[in-house]
Amino acid sequence: MSFELPEFINIIVNAGDSRDGLGATIGQSLPNFGRVAEESRGRTVAMVNLYTDADSIGDLRKRDRSLFTDATFAYASDDPAVGRLGTVLHEATHNLGPYGSYKVDGKLPETIFGGATDAILEELKAQTGALYYLPFLKAKGFMSDDDVRRGYVANISWAFGHIARGMFDGAGHPKTYSQLAAIQVGE
């Protein structure tokens, strides 16, 4: 297995018909399945300047203020690097496998679970990895207790942001990130 840090890129214009009206892609690992992934030849990128403008930071601060107690809000951070770490860890976990091309009893995950559930499980794996690696990095001496708390607050804020967008799209299909966020937040 090999591992490389993502490419960090700045987005000049975030527009177009393929862009969601709410939000944007902040990281991507493609492909994270098949021969290219198995041979560690995929690309991972983190879009480092999205949501770093004053308006986005202010909106996030207002949302976090309404979500968290004072004790938790004390760990909410305006530093884009805090959220970016979650993105990097999420994307890195995509690349650790298992991949969607792994078979169980000769069947692919989308056959066993269905395409929507397969996608949710892949993203759940990646986001769970992002949370798992925070205390791992602390144990290795790369983060403090407060850094880990800031990371958890940023990730739970991210989760509530997706849940707030609804669990299903207009056609009734499950929204992958909202579904995984709901699984992590619980009932």
Protein backbone atom coordinates (compact mmCIF):
# COMPACT_ATOMS: atom_id res chain seq x y z
CA MET A 1 0.00 0.00 0.00
CA SER A 2 1.19 3.50 -0.69
CA PHE A 3 -0.14 6.80 0.55
CA GLU A 4 0.34 10.35 -0.62
CA LEU A 5 -1.03 13.60 0.70
CA PRO A 6 -3.69 15.21 -1.47
CA GLU A 7 -2.94 17.92 -3.94
CA PHE A 8 -4.02 21.25 -2.46
CA ILE A 9 -5.72 23.50 -4.99
CA ASN A 10 -7.39 26.90 -4.93
CA ILE A 11 -10.69 27.29 -6.74
CA ILE A 12 -10.83 30.44 -8.86
CA VAL A 13 -14.50 30.26 -9.85
CA ASN A 14 -17.02 27.94 -8.22
CA ALA A 15 -19.85 28.06 -10.74
CA GLY A 16 -21.61 26.06 -13.40
CA ASP A 17 -24.53 23.76 -13.95
CA SER A 18 -22.88 20.82 -12.18
CA ARG A 19 -22.41 22.76 -8.92
CA ASP A 20 -24.90 22.20 -6.14
CA GLY A 21 -26.85 25.34 -5.22
CA LEU A 22 -25.86 24.80 -1.58
CA GLY A 23 -22.30 23.86 -0.82
CA ALA A 24 -19.43 22.67 -2.94
CA THR A 25 -17.03 19.77 -3.25
CA ILE A 26 -14.18 20.41 -0.82
CA GLY A 27 -12.25 17.21 -1.43
CA GLN A 28 -12.23 14.32 -3.82
CA SER A 29 -10.41 11.01 -4.29
CA LEU A 30 -10.88 9.55 -7.74
CA PRO A 31 -11.04 6.86 -8.62
CA ASN A 32 -11.36 5.17 -5.25
CA PHE A 33 -12.26 1.83 -6.77
CA GLY A 34 -10.99 -0.63 -9.35
CA ARG A 35 -7.53 -1.27 -10.73
CA VAL A 36 -6.36 2.34 -10.60
CA ALA A 37 -7.17 2.54 -6.87
CA GLU A 38 -5.74 -0.91 -6.14
CA GLU A 39 -2.47 0.19 -7.78
CA SER A 40 -2.52 3.48 -5.81
CA ARG A 41 -2.65 5.56 -8.99
CA GLY A 42 -5.68 7.70 -8.11
CA ARG A 43 -5.64 11.43 -7.40
CA THR A 44 -6.76 13.08 -4.21
CA VAL A 45 -7.38 16.80 -4.05
CA ALA A 46 -8.50 19.22 -1.34
CA MET A 47 -10.02 22.52 -2.42
CA VAL A 48 -8.41 24.73 0.19
CA ASN A 49 -10.00 28.11 -0.33
CA LEU A 50 -13.71 27.25 -0.33
CA TYR A 51 -15.63 28.57 2.70
CA THR A 52 -12.66 30.67 3.83
CA ASP A 53 -14.15 34.06 2.94
CA ALA A 54 -15.48 36.34 5.69
CA ASP A 55 -19.15 35.71 4.82
CA SER A 56 -18.76 31.92 4.92
CA ILE A 57 -16.85 32.05 8.19
CA GLY A 58 -19.49 34.36 9.68
CA ASP A 59 -22.32 32.06 8.56
CA LEU A 60 -20.56 29.04 10.02
CA ARG A 61 -19.98 30.89 13.28
CA LYS A 62 -23.70 31.77 13.53
CA ARG A 63 -24.70 28.16 12.85
CA ASP A 64 -22.24 26.82 15.41
CA ARG A 65 -23.38 29.37 18.00
CA SER A 66 -26.96 28.10 17.57
CA LEU A 67 -25.93 24.43 17.77
CA PHE A 68 -23.45 24.21 20.60
CA THR A 69 -23.31 24.97 24.28
CA ASP A 70 -20.85 27.65 25.38
CA ALA A 71 -18.41 24.96 26.52
CA THR A 72 -18.44 23.27 23.11
CA PHE A 73 -18.56 26.50 21.13
CA ALA A 74 -15.29 27.50 22.80
CA TYR A 75 -13.66 24.92 20.50
CA ALA A 76 -15.32 26.18 17.31
CA SER A 77 -12.57 27.61 15.15
CA ASP A 78 -12.44 30.24 12.41
CA ASP A 79 -9.16 28.74 11.20
CA PRO A 80 -9.84 27.04 7.83
CA ALA A 81 -7.03 24.56 8.56
CA VAL A 82 -9.19 22.90 11.23
CA GLY A 83 -11.92 21.95 8.75
CA ARG A 84 -9.37 21.23 6.04
CA LEU A 85 -7.76 18.57 8.24
CA GLY A 86 -11.09 16.74 8.37
CA THR A 87 -11.29 16.88 4.58
CA VAL A 88 -7.75 15.57 4.17
CA LEU A 89 -8.33 12.71 6.61
CA HIS A 90 -11.67 11.88 4.95
CA GLU A 91 -10.11 11.74 1.49
CA ALA A 92 -7.11 9.78 2.75
CA THR A 93 -9.41 7.17 4.26
CA HIS A 94 -11.12 6.67 0.89
CA ASN A 95 -7.75 5.52 -0.40
CA LEU A 96 -7.17 2.94 2.32
CA GLY A 97 -9.77 0.44 1.08
CA PRO A 98 -11.68 -1.71 0.94
CA TYR A 99 -12.74 -0.44 -2.43
CA GLY A 100 -16.04 -0.80 -4.25
CA SER A 101 -14.49 -3.44 -6.49
CA TYR A 102 -14.01 -5.87 -3.57
CA LYS A 103 -16.40 -8.79 -3.82
CA VAL A 104 -18.21 -10.75 -1.13
CA ASP A 105 -19.30 -14.18 -2.30
CA GLY A 106 -18.61 -12.99 -5.85
CA LYS A 107 -20.87 -9.93 -5.54
CA LEU A 108 -19.96 -6.24 -5.67
CA PRO A 109 -21.16 -3.94 -2.86
CA GLU A 110 -23.67 -2.16 -5.11
CA THR A 111 -25.25 -5.57 -5.87
CA ILE A 112 -25.41 -6.49 -2.19
CA PHE A 113 -26.52 -3.12 -0.81
CA GLY A 114 -27.84 -1.19 -3.79
CA GLY A 115 -26.05 1.79 -5.32
CA ALA A 116 -27.29 4.44 -2.89
CA THR A 117 -26.45 2.41 0.21
CA ASP A 118 -23.09 1.42 -1.25
CA ALA A 119 -22.24 5.12 -1.75
CA ILE A 120 -23.39 5.98 1.78
CA LEU A 121 -21.26 3.20 3.26
CA GLU A 122 -18.17 4.33 1.30
CA GLU A 123 -18.58 7.92 2.53
CA LEU A 124 -19.34 6.69 6.06
CA LYS A 125 -16.06 4.74 5.99
CA ALA A 126 -14.18 7.86 4.94
CA GLN A 127 -15.81 10.17 7.49
CA THR A 128 -15.40 7.64 10.29
CA GLY A 129 -11.72 7.48 9.37
CA ALA A 130 -11.50 11.26 9.58
CA LEU A 131 -12.78 11.08 13.16
CA TYR A 132 -10.68 8.05 14.09
CA TYR A 133 -7.43 9.62 12.98
CA LEU A 134 -7.78 12.71 15.21
CA PRO A 135 -6.85 10.91 18.46
CA PHE A 136 -4.39 8.77 16.49
CA LEU A 137 -2.56 11.94 15.44
CA LYS A 138 -2.67 13.16 19.05
CA ALA A 139 -1.15 9.88 20.25
CA LYS A 140 1.66 10.37 17.72
CA GLY A 141 2.31 13.86 19.11
CA PHE A 142 0.97 15.83 16.12
CA MET A 143 -2.08 17.29 17.89
CA SER A 144 -3.02 18.53 21.34
CA ASP A 145 -6.20 17.70 23.25
CA ASP A 146 -7.60 21.09 22.20
CA ASP A 147 -6.71 20.44 18.54
CA VAL A 148 -8.64 17.16 18.67
CA ARG A 149 -11.63 18.90 20.28
CA ARG A 150 -11.57 21.59 17.57
CA GLY A 151 -11.47 18.85 14.96
CA TYR A 152 -14.46 17.07 16.49
CA VAL A 153 -16.45 20.30 16.71
CA ALA A 154 -15.67 21.12 13.06
CA ASN A 155 -16.74 17.63 11.99
CA ILE A 156 -19.99 17.61 13.98
CA SER A 157 -20.76 21.08 12.62
CA TRP A 158 -20.17 19.69 9.11
CA ALA A 159 -22.54 16.81 9.90
CA PHE A 160 -25.33 19.07 11.16
CA GLY A 161 -24.87 21.28 8.10
CA HIS A 162 -25.60 18.31 5.85
CA ILE A 163 -28.51 17.08 7.95
CA ALA A 164 -30.01 20.58 7.74
CA ARG A 165 -30.02 20.30 3.93
CA GLY A 166 -32.41 17.37 4.16
CA MET A 167 -32.05 13.63 3.95
CA PHE A 168 -33.44 13.18 0.43
CA ASP A 169 -33.22 15.11 -2.82
CA GLY A 170 -36.23 16.38 -4.76
CA ALA A 171 -36.63 13.02 -6.52
CA GLY A 172 -36.68 11.14 -3.22
CA HIS A 173 -33.16 9.72 -3.48
CA PRO A 174 -31.05 9.63 -0.32
CA LYS A 175 -28.46 12.40 -0.03
CA THR A 176 -25.23 10.54 0.66
CA TYR A 177 -23.55 13.01 3.02
CA SER A 178 -26.76 13.81 4.92
CA GLN A 179 -27.37 10.10 5.43
CA LEU A 180 -23.85 9.42 6.70
CA ALA A 181 -24.05 12.47 8.97
CA ALA A 182 -27.31 11.20 10.46
CA ILE A 183 -25.74 7.79 11.08
CA GLN A 184 -22.85 9.40 12.93
CA VAL A 185 -24.98 11.82 14.93
CA GLY A 186 -27.46 9.06 15.83
CA GLU A 187 -31.08 9.25 16.85
